Amino acid sequence: MEKNRTTISSKCSDDTLIAIPIFNEAGFVDDILSAVHQYAVNILVVDDGSNDGTGYLLKKYGFINVICHQINKGYGQSLIDAFDFGQTNGFEWIITMDCDHQHQPSRILHFLKEIEKNDADIISGSRYLYMENLGSAKPPPERVAINRQITYLLNNILGINLSDSFCGFKAYRVKSLNRLNLTEKGYGLPLQLWIQAVRANLRIREIPVPLIYHDPKRNFAGTLEIPKFRKEYYMSIIQRELALNDCKNTAKISCSEREKFDICES
């Protein structure tokens, strides 16, 4: 795949890539890409099998790189492809963000400021550090609850101090990603990421980002829309990854621990 670099002025340095996974975002893609382009020279869009005309809209943007999945492969696979692209093309940092107006492009500057401190391998956005709610709708309560439950569980198992384990607005040091073996194709990839990152002794920091929801009806695919099944899916990833990785202070999760962390709740 040919690497397309532009020469316009930008706040991002030439060694930083903005990666945006997209699935059926025809209503948002124009606004988001135009806004991101104000801050970034190098932009990668991973179109995960969109069937709403998103792919057609992307063709008019000559300043972006595009990876196109012919079928939907999953959010995790889109991120894995973005990481591979960043590694292959010699970038030092990758900033990932969503394309549904839940992540503000202007916040890219906040991540750049943190990158300059050179004291972290993963800089993760958190919507719950200061609870700055800028959305027009309240976040679905069950999503907030599941996030908190899983985050609390990870903190206890891994000995870390996250406040938001699922936020997709992150900055990654590319050479540190080389130490991970990410394979989870679905929405649960962040859980695999955290466990492997702790095992690899990566430096992790959080920075606040606003909590933004405009459409509470936006949902997960298939059975993941059912909270019970979504939690079971997340737990299966944690169990599997802990079994595969000899992490310090980690062990298989017993049934009593599941009940303690309220994960078995339907």
C-alpha atoms as a PDB file:
ATOM      1  CA  MET A   1       0.000   0.000   0.000  1.00  0.00           C
ATOM      2  CA  GLU A   2       1.423   3.341  -1.020  1.00  0.00           C
ATOM      3  CA  LYS A   3       2.057   5.820   1.749  1.00  0.00           C
ATOM      4  CA  ASN A   4       0.505   9.199   0.988  1.00  0.00           C
ATOM      5  CA  ARG A   5       2.062  12.176   2.804  1.00  0.00           C
ATOM      6  CA  THR A   6       1.007  15.776   2.296  1.00  0.00           C
ATOM      7  CA  THR A   7       3.028  18.923   2.847  1.00  0.00           C
ATOM      8  CA  ILE A   8       0.422  21.126   4.500  1.00  0.00           C
ATOM      9  CA  SER A   9       1.219  22.703   7.841  1.00  0.00           C
ATOM     10  CA  SER A  10       0.025  20.660  10.785  1.00  0.00           C
ATOM     11  CA  LYS A  11       0.143  20.525  14.567  1.00  0.00           C
ATOM     12  CA  CYS A  12       1.062  16.824  14.391  1.00  0.00           C
ATOM     13  CA  SER A  13       4.646  15.952  13.592  1.00  0.00           C
ATOM     14  CA  ASP A  14       5.300  13.800  10.544  1.00  0.00           C
ATOM     15  CA  ASP A  15       5.984  10.759  12.717  1.00  0.00           C
ATOM     16  CA  THR A  16       2.474  10.689  14.228  1.00  0.00           C
ATOM     17  CA  LEU A  17      -0.437   8.866  12.593  1.00  0.00           C
ATOM     18  CA  ILE A  18      -4.104   9.472  13.347  1.00  0.00           C
ATOM     19  CA  ALA A  19      -6.012   6.199  12.855  1.00  0.00           C
ATOM     20  CA  ILE A  20      -9.807   6.155  12.608  1.00  0.00           C
ATOM     21  CA  PRO A  21     -11.768   2.883  12.451  1.00  0.00           C
ATOM     22  CA  ILE A  22     -15.055   3.372  10.628  1.00  0.00           C
ATOM     23  CA  PHE A  23     -18.158   1.259  10.104  1.00  0.00           C
ATOM     24  CA  ASN A  24     -21.227   2.853   8.495  1.00  0.00           C
ATOM     25  CA  GLU A  25     -20.367   6.454   9.420  1.00  0.00           C
ATOM     26  CA  ALA A  26     -21.616   8.218   6.270  1.00  0.00           C
ATOM     27  CA  GLY A  27     -23.372  10.812   8.404  1.00  0.00           C
ATOM     28  CA  PHE A  28     -20.193  11.778  10.277  1.00  0.00           C
ATOM     29  CA  VAL A  29     -17.213  11.113   8.052  1.00  0.00           C
ATOM     30  CA  ASP A  30     -17.142  14.508   6.280  1.00  0.00           C
ATOM     31  CA  ASP A  31     -17.208  16.534   9.488  1.00  0.00           C
ATOM     32  CA  ILE A  32     -14.710  14.362  11.320  1.00  0.00           C
ATOM     33  CA  LEU A  33     -12.133  14.072   8.542  1.00  0.00           C
ATOM     34  CA  SER A  34     -12.256  17.787   7.803  1.00  0.00           C
ATOM     35  CA  ALA A  35     -11.742  18.565  11.483  1.00  0.00           C
ATOM     36  CA  VAL A  36      -8.957  16.009  11.989  1.00  0.00           C
ATOM     37  CA  HIS A  37      -7.141  17.361   8.936  1.00  0.00           C
ATOM     38  CA  GLN A  38      -6.692  20.667  10.778  1.00  0.00           C
ATOM     39  CA  TYR A  39      -4.411  18.900  13.257  1.00  0.00           C
ATOM     40  CA  ALA A  40      -2.854  16.027  11.337  1.00  0.00           C
ATOM     41  CA  VAL A  41      -0.922  15.409   8.138  1.00  0.00           C
ATOM     42  CA  ASN A  42      -1.022  11.633   8.300  1.00  0.00           C
ATOM     43  CA  ILE A  43      -4.497  10.114   8.615  1.00  0.00           C
ATOM     44  CA  LEU A  44      -5.474   6.479   8.194  1.00  0.00           C
ATOM     45  CA  VAL A  45      -9.098   5.370   7.896  1.00  0.00           C
ATOM     46  CA  VAL A  46      -9.922   1.688   8.308  1.00  0.00           C
ATOM     47  CA  ASP A  47     -13.307   1.114   6.664  1.00  0.00           C
ATOM     48  CA  ASP A  48     -14.614  -2.079   8.234  1.00  0.00           C
ATOM     49  CA  GLY A  49     -16.974  -3.240   5.511  1.00  0.00           C
ATOM     50  CA  SER A  50     -19.322  -0.239   5.499  1.00  0.00           C
ATOM     51  CA  ASN A  51     -22.428  -0.626   3.348  1.00  0.00           C
ATOM     52  CA  ASP A  52     -23.986   2.821   3.795  1.00  0.00           C
ATOM     53  CA  GLY A  53     -21.933   4.760   1.239  1.00  0.00           C
ATOM     54  CA  THR A  54     -19.046   5.535   3.597  1.00  0.00           C
ATOM     55  CA  GLY A  55     -16.554   3.992   1.176  1.00  0.00           C
ATOM     56  CA  TYR A  56     -17.740   6.243  -1.636  1.00  0.00           C
ATOM     57  CA  LEU A  57     -17.356   9.348   0.532  1.00  0.00           C
ATOM     58  CA  LEU A  58     -13.809   8.402   1.475  1.00  0.00           C
ATOM     59  CA  LYS A  59     -12.716   8.442  -2.167  1.00  0.00           C
ATOM     60  CA  LYS A  60     -12.906  12.247  -2.351  1.00  0.00           C
ATOM     61  CA  TYR A  61     -10.291  12.740   0.356  1.00  0.00           C
ATOM     62  CA  GLY A  62      -6.864  12.731  -1.246  1.00  0.00           C
ATOM     63  CA  PHE A  63      -5.097  13.445   2.031  1.00  0.00           C
ATOM     64  CA  ILE A  64      -5.997  10.170   3.768  1.00  0.00           C
ATOM     65  CA  ASN A  65      -4.792   6.583   3.576  1.00  0.00           C
ATOM     66  CA  VAL A  66      -7.535   3.953   3.506  1.00  0.00           C
ATOM     67  CA  ILE A  67      -7.610   0.294   4.427  1.00  0.00           C
ATOM     68  CA  CYS A  68     -10.856  -1.220   3.196  1.00  0.00           C
ATOM     69  CA  HIS A  69     -12.304  -4.452   4.555  1.00  0.00           C
ATOM     70  CA  GLN A  70     -14.618  -6.040   2.022  1.00  0.00           C
ATOM     71  CA  ILE A  71     -16.624  -7.518   4.897  1.00  0.00           C
ATOM     72  CA  ASN A  72     -17.019  -6.452   8.511  1.00  0.00           C
ATOM     73  CA  LYS A  73     -14.110  -7.951  10.463  1.00  0.00           C
ATOM     74  CA  GLY A  74     -14.615  -6.196  13.788  1.00  0.00           C
ATOM     75  CA  TYR A  75     -13.436  -3.141  15.711  1.00  0.00           C
ATOM     76  CA  GLY A  76     -10.444  -4.983  17.128  1.00  0.00           C
ATOM     77  CA  GLN A  77      -9.243  -6.094  13.711  1.00  0.00           C
ATOM     78  CA  SER A  78      -9.504  -2.506  12.466  1.00  0.00           C
ATOM     79  CA  LEU A  79      -7.206  -1.371  15.274  1.00  0.00           C
ATOM     80  CA  ILE A  80      -4.794  -4.247  14.656  1.00  0.00           C
ATOM     81  CA  ASP A  81      -4.604  -3.248  10.980  1.00  0.00           C
ATOM     82  CA  ALA A  82      -3.968   0.364  11.988  1.00  0.00           C
ATOM     83  CA  PHE A  83      -1.151  -0.710  14.315  1.00  0.00           C
ATOM     84  CA  ASP A  84       0.385  -2.823  11.540  1.00  0.00           C
ATOM     85  CA  PHE A  85       0.183   0.135   9.166  1.00  0.00           C
ATOM     86  CA  GLY A  86       1.910   2.405  11.671  1.00  0.00           C
ATOM     87  CA  GLN A  87       4.683  -0.110  12.268  1.00  0.00           C
ATOM     88  CA  THR A  88       5.210  -0.838   8.571  1.00  0.00           C
ATOM     89  CA  ASN A  89       5.374   2.831   7.630  1.00  0.00           C
ATOM     90  CA  GLY A  90       7.774   3.958  10.325  1.00  0.00           C
ATOM     91  CA  PHE A  91       5.539   6.058  12.557  1.00  0.00           C
ATOM     92  CA  GLU A  92       6.586   6.670  16.155  1.00  0.00           C
ATOM     93  CA  TRP A  93       3.097   7.319  17.561  1.00  0.00           C
ATOM     94  CA  ILE A  94      -0.443   6.333  16.622  1.00  0.00           C
ATOM     95  CA  ILE A  95      -3.452   8.223  17.966  1.00  0.00           C
ATOM     96  CA  THR A  96      -6.719   6.329  17.576  1.00  0.00           C
ATOM     97  CA  MET A  97     -10.138   7.943  17.662  1.00  0.00           C
ATOM     98  CA  ASP A  98     -13.704   7.140  16.656  1.00  0.00           C
ATOM     99  CA  CYS A  99     -15.741   8.762  13.901  1.00  0.00           C
ATOM    100  CA  ASP A 100     -19.109   9.229  15.594  1.00  0.00           C
ATOM    101  CA  HIS A 101     -18.605  12.633  17.278  1.00  0.00           C
ATOM    102  CA  GLN A 102     -17.845  10.990  20.632  1.00  0.00           C
ATOM    103  CA  HIS A 103     -14.196  12.057  20.298  1.00  0.00           C
ATOM    104  CA  GLN A 104     -13.364  15.696  19.639  1.00  0.00           C
ATOM    105  CA  PRO A 105     -10.625  16.177  17.007  1.00  0.00           C
ATOM    106  CA  SER A 106      -9.385  19.243  18.905  1.00  0.00           C
ATOM    107  CA  ARG A 107      -8.368  16.894  21.728  1.00  0.00           C
ATOM    108  CA  ILE A 108      -5.618  15.568  19.466  1.00  0.00           C
ATOM    109  CA  LEU A 109      -3.591  18.540  20.696  1.00  0.00           C
ATOM    110  CA  HIS A 110      -3.949  17.324  24.289  1.00  0.00           C
ATOM    111  CA  PHE A 111      -2.503  13.961  23.323  1.00  0.00           C
ATOM    112  CA  LEU A 112       0.369  15.626  21.471  1.00  0.00           C
ATOM    113  CA  LYS A 113       1.204  17.629  24.569  1.00  0.00           C
ATOM    114  CA  GLU A 114       1.308  14.442  26.629  1.00  0.00           C
ATOM    115  CA  ILE A 115       3.404  12.652  24.013  1.00  0.00           C
ATOM    116  CA  GLU A 116       6.036  15.401  24.325  1.00  0.00           C
ATOM    117  CA  LYS A 117       6.554  14.443  27.991  1.00  0.00           C
ATOM    118  CA  ASN A 118       8.027  11.143  26.762  1.00  0.00           C
ATOM    119  CA  ASP A 119       7.032   9.264  29.913  1.00  0.00           C
ATOM    120  CA  ALA A 120       4.416   6.785  28.652  1.00  0.00           C
ATOM    121  CA  ASP A 121       3.873   4.018  26.132  1.00  0.00           C
ATOM    122  CA  ILE A 122       0.074   4.186  26.156  1.00  0.00           C
ATOM    123  CA  ILE A 123      -1.784   7.423  26.838  1.00  0.00           C
ATOM    124  CA  SER A 124      -5.426   6.523  27.270  1.00  0.00           C
ATOM    125  CA  GLY A 125      -8.370   8.889  27.242  1.00  0.00           C
ATOM    126  CA  SER A 126     -10.755   8.579  30.171  1.00  0.00           C
ATOM    127  CA  ARG A 127     -14.343   9.782  30.152  1.00  0.00           C
ATOM    128  CA  TYR A 128     -14.632   9.248  33.897  1.00  0.00           C
ATOM    129  CA  LEU A 129     -11.696  11.144  35.419  1.00  0.00           C
ATOM    130  CA  TYR A 130     -13.630  14.406  35.642  1.00  0.00           C
ATOM    131  CA  MET A 131     -16.982  13.424  34.071  1.00  0.00           C
ATOM    132  CA  GLU A 132     -17.155  16.360  31.667  1.00  0.00           C
ATOM    133  CA  ASN A 133     -20.411  15.511  29.884  1.00  0.00           C
ATOM    134  CA  LEU A 134     -20.679  17.437  26.607  1.00  0.00           C
ATOM    135  CA  GLY A 135     -23.194  15.193  24.876  1.00  0.00           C
ATOM    136  CA  SER A 136     -26.798  15.910  24.055  1.00  0.00           C
ATOM    137  CA  ALA A 137     -27.886  12.592  25.593  1.00  0.00           C
ATOM    138  CA  LYS A 138     -26.994  10.683  28.723  1.00  0.00           C
ATOM    139  CA  PRO A 139     -24.819   7.601  28.222  1.00  0.00           C
ATOM    140  CA  PRO A 140     -26.725   4.295  28.472  1.00  0.00           C
ATOM    141  CA  PRO A 141     -26.560   3.316  32.177  1.00  0.00           C
ATOM    142  CA  GLU A 142     -25.793  -0.339  31.464  1.00  0.00           C
ATOM    143  CA  ARG A 143     -22.768   0.617  29.355  1.00  0.00           C
ATOM    144  CA  VAL A 144     -21.398   2.819  32.114  1.00  0.00           C
ATOM    145  CA  ALA A 145     -22.019   0.056  34.646  1.00  0.00           C
ATOM    146  CA  ILE A 146     -20.278  -2.632  32.585  1.00  0.00           C
ATOM    147  CA  ASN A 147     -17.320  -0.343  31.919  1.00  0.00           C
ATOM    148  CA  ARG A 148     -16.924   0.321  35.640  1.00  0.00           C
ATOM    149  CA  GLN A 149     -17.261  -3.354  36.556  1.00  0.00           C
ATOM    150  CA  ILE A 150     -14.690  -4.522  34.018  1.00  0.00           C
ATOM    151  CA  THR A 151     -12.333  -1.645  34.848  1.00  0.00           C
ATOM    152  CA  TYR A 152     -12.562  -2.440  38.562  1.00  0.00           C
ATOM    153  CA  LEU A 153     -11.849  -6.089  37.860  1.00  0.00           C
ATOM    154  CA  LEU A 154      -8.812  -5.323  35.698  1.00  0.00           C
ATOM    155  CA  ASN A 155      -7.437  -2.951  38.323  1.00  0.00           C
ATOM    156  CA  ASN A 156      -7.710  -5.605  41.017  1.00  0.00           C
ATOM    157  CA  ILE A 157      -6.232  -8.376  38.916  1.00  0.00           C
ATOM    158  CA  LEU A 158      -3.437  -6.398  37.264  1.00  0.00           C
ATOM    159  CA  GLY A 159      -2.574  -3.951  40.024  1.00  0.00           C
ATOM    160  CA  ILE A 160      -3.177  -0.881  37.868  1.00  0.00           C
ATOM    161  CA  ASN A 161      -5.343   2.195  38.342  1.00  0.00           C
ATOM    162  CA  LEU A 162      -7.517   2.749  35.285  1.00  0.00           C
ATOM    163  CA  SER A 163     -10.762   4.699  35.374  1.00  0.00           C
ATOM    164  CA  ASP A 164     -11.943   3.843  31.830  1.00  0.00           C
ATOM    165  CA  SER A 165     -10.881   0.578  30.236  1.00  0.00           C
ATOM    166  CA  PHE A 166     -12.836   0.973  26.986  1.00  0.00           C
ATOM    167  CA  CYS A 167     -12.204   4.495  25.682  1.00  0.00           C
ATOM    168  CA  GLY A 168     -10.956   4.318  22.085  1.00  0.00           C
ATOM    169  CA  PHE A 169      -9.259   7.728  22.153  1.00  0.00           C
ATOM    170  CA  LYS A 170      -5.647   6.724  22.821  1.00  0.00           C
ATOM    171  CA  ALA A 171      -2.046   7.383  21.846  1.00  0.00           C
ATOM    172  CA  TYR A 172       0.331   4.444  21.417  1.00  0.00           C
ATOM    173  CA  ARG A 173       4.112   4.427  21.154  1.00  0.00           C
ATOM    174  CA  VAL A 174       4.603   2.256  18.064  1.00  0.00           C
ATOM    175  CA  LYS A 175       7.795   0.507  19.167  1.00  0.00           C
ATOM    176  CA  SER A 176       5.986  -0.561  22.344  1.00  0.00           C
ATOM    177  CA  LEU A 177       3.196  -2.151  20.303  1.00  0.00           C
ATOM    178  CA  ASN A 178       5.857  -4.461  18.864  1.00  0.00           C
ATOM    179  CA  ARG A 179       5.973  -6.154  22.264  1.00  0.00           C
ATOM    180  CA  LEU A 180       2.302  -7.144  22.114  1.00  0.00           C
ATOM    181  CA  ASN A 181       0.530  -9.925  20.232  1.00  0.00           C
ATOM    182  CA  LEU A 182      -2.974  -8.595  19.716  1.00  0.00           C
ATOM    183  CA  THR A 183      -5.436 -10.983  18.099  1.00  0.00           C
ATOM    184  CA  GLU A 184      -8.910 -10.101  19.424  1.00  0.00           C
ATOM    185  CA  LYS A 185     -11.022  -8.968  16.475  1.00  0.00           C
ATOM    186  CA  GLY A 186     -14.040  -7.654  18.367  1.00  0.00           C
ATOM    187  CA  TYR A 187     -14.931  -4.869  20.791  1.00  0.00           C
ATOM    188  CA  GLY A 188     -13.054  -6.672  23.559  1.00  0.00           C
ATOM    189  CA  LEU A 189      -9.593  -5.949  22.143  1.00  0.00           C
ATOM    190  CA  PRO A 190      -8.872  -3.300  24.838  1.00  0.00           C
ATOM    191  CA  LEU A 191      -9.048  -6.013  27.505  1.00  0.00           C
ATOM    192  CA  GLN A 192      -6.434  -8.113  25.744  1.00  0.00           C
ATOM    193  CA  LEU A 193      -4.391  -4.951  25.275  1.00  0.00           C
ATOM    194  CA  TRP A 194      -4.364  -4.033  28.980  1.00  0.00           C
ATOM    195  CA  ILE A 195      -3.342  -7.501  30.130  1.00  0.00           C
ATOM    196  CA  GLN A 196      -0.537  -7.755  27.593  1.00  0.00           C
ATOM    197  CA  ALA A 197       0.597  -4.190  28.260  1.00  0.00           C
ATOM    198  CA  VAL A 198       0.966  -4.896  31.978  1.00  0.00           C
ATOM    199  CA  ARG A 199       2.846  -8.099  31.226  1.00  0.00           C
ATOM    200  CA  ALA A 200       5.216  -6.141  28.954  1.00  0.00           C
ATOM    201  CA  ASN A 201       5.730  -3.486  31.663  1.00  0.00           C
ATOM    202  CA  LEU A 202       4.465  -0.736  29.394  1.00  0.00           C
ATOM    203  CA  ARG A 203       4.015   2.683  30.983  1.00  0.00           C
ATOM    204  CA  ILE A 204       0.320   3.597  31.060  1.00  0.00           C
ATOM    205  CA  ARG A 205      -1.231   6.986  31.772  1.00  0.00           C
ATOM    206  CA  GLU A 206      -4.754   8.371  31.475  1.00  0.00           C
ATOM    207  CA  ILE A 207      -5.826  11.856  30.498  1.00  0.00           C
ATOM    208  CA  PRO A 208      -9.375  13.230  30.689  1.00  0.00           C
ATOM    209  CA  VAL A 209     -11.558  13.447  27.599  1.00  0.00           C
ATOM    210  CA  PRO A 210     -15.200  14.562  27.560  1.00  0.00           C
ATOM    211  CA  LEU A 211     -18.038  12.088  27.884  1.00  0.00           C
ATOM    212  CA  ILE A 212     -20.073  12.602  24.707  1.00  0.00           C
ATOM    213  CA  TYR A 213     -23.219  10.750  23.640  1.00  0.00           C
ATOM    214  CA  HIS A 214     -25.602  12.065  21.004  1.00  0.00           C
ATOM    215  CA  ASP A 215     -27.450   8.900  20.055  1.00  0.00           C
ATOM    216  CA  PRO A 216     -28.121   6.457  22.926  1.00  0.00           C
ATOM    217  CA  LYS A 217     -29.695   4.066  20.407  1.00  0.00           C
ATOM    218  CA  ARG A 218     -26.375   3.348  18.698  1.00  0.00           C
ATOM    219  CA  ASN A 219     -25.762  -0.253  19.568  1.00  0.00           C
ATOM    220  CA  PHE A 220     -23.453  -3.210  19.394  1.00  0.00           C
ATOM    221  CA  ALA A 221     -23.841  -5.943  16.831  1.00  0.00           C
ATOM    222  CA  GLY A 222     -25.973  -9.021  17.432  1.00  0.00           C
ATOM    223  CA  THR A 223     -25.996 -10.634  20.865  1.00  0.00           C
ATOM    224  CA  LEU A 224     -23.490  -8.108  22.249  1.00  0.00           C
ATOM    225  CA  GLU A 225     -26.386  -5.690  22.568  1.00  0.00           C
ATOM    226  CA  ILE A 226     -27.631  -7.871  25.448  1.00  0.00           C
ATOM    227  CA  PRO A 227     -25.699  -6.798  28.577  1.00  0.00           C
ATOM    228  CA  LYS A 228     -25.430 -10.332  29.974  1.00  0.00           C
ATOM    229  CA  PHE A 229     -23.872 -11.707  26.804  1.00  0.00           C
ATOM    230  CA  ARG A 230     -21.582  -8.679  26.416  1.00  0.00           C
ATOM    231  CA  LYS A 231     -20.207  -9.152  29.933  1.00  0.00           C
ATOM    232  CA  GLU A 232     -19.723 -12.852  29.305  1.00  0.00           C
ATOM    233  CA  TYR A 233     -17.802 -12.022  26.134  1.00  0.00           C
ATOM    234  CA  TYR A 234     -15.558  -9.580  27.998  1.00  0.00           C
ATOM    235  CA  MET A 235     -14.984 -12.091  30.784  1.00  0.00           C
ATOM    236  CA  SER A 236     -14.051 -14.812  28.312  1.00  0.00           C
ATOM    237  CA  ILE A 237     -11.323 -12.570  26.873  1.00  0.00           C
ATOM    238  CA  ILE A 238      -9.926 -11.803  30.324  1.00  0.00           C
ATOM    239  CA  GLN A 239      -9.977 -15.482  31.319  1.00  0.00           C
ATOM    240  CA  ARG A 240      -8.315 -16.558  28.094  1.00  0.00           C
ATOM    241  CA  GLU A 241      -5.627 -13.895  28.209  1.00  0.00           C
ATOM    242  CA  LEU A 242      -4.789 -14.576  31.844  1.00  0.00           C
ATOM    243  CA  ALA A 243      -4.441 -18.273  31.040  1.00  0.00           C
ATOM    244  CA  LEU A 244      -2.052 -17.454  28.187  1.00  0.00           C
ATOM    245  CA  ASN A 245       0.022 -14.821  29.987  1.00  0.00           C
ATOM    246  CA  ASP A 246       1.941 -15.250  33.221  1.00  0.00           C
ATOM    247  CA  CYS A 247       1.211 -11.756  34.527  1.00  0.00           C
ATOM    248  CA  LYS A 248       2.346 -10.618  37.940  1.00  0.00           C
ATOM    249  CA  ASN A 249      -0.520 -10.615  40.431  1.00  0.00           C
ATOM    250  CA  THR A 250      -2.852 -12.400  38.005  1.00  0.00           C
ATOM    251  CA  ALA A 251      -4.712 -15.662  38.213  1.00  0.00           C
ATOM    252  CA  LYS A 252      -7.781 -17.305  36.771  1.00  0.00           C
ATOM    253  CA  ILE A 253     -10.988 -15.645  37.886  1.00  0.00           C
ATOM    254  CA  SER A 254     -12.985 -17.818  40.246  1.00  0.00           C
ATOM    255  CA  CYS A 255     -16.772 -17.893  40.384  1.00  0.00           C
ATOM    256  CA  SER A 256     -16.687 -16.141  43.753  1.00  0.00           C
ATOM    257  CA  GLU A 257     -14.625 -13.318  42.234  1.00  0.00           C
ATOM    258  CA  ARG A 258     -17.130 -13.059  39.386  1.00  0.00           C
ATOM    259  CA  GLU A 259     -19.903 -12.609  41.916  1.00  0.00           C
ATOM    260  CA  LYS A 260     -17.818 -10.158  43.932  1.00  0.00           C
ATOM    261  CA  PHE A 261     -17.335  -7.942  40.896  1.00  0.00           C
ATOM    262  CA  ASP A 262     -20.981  -8.300  39.844  1.00  0.00           C
ATOM    263  CA  ILE A 263     -20.006  -9.775  36.489  1.00  0.00           C
ATOM    264  CA  CYS A 264     -22.522 -12.631  36.565  1.00  0.00           C
ATOM    265  CA  GLU A 265     -25.452 -10.224  36.783  1.00  0.00           C
ATOM    266  CA  SER A 266     -27.829 -10.515  33.839  1.00  0.00           C
END
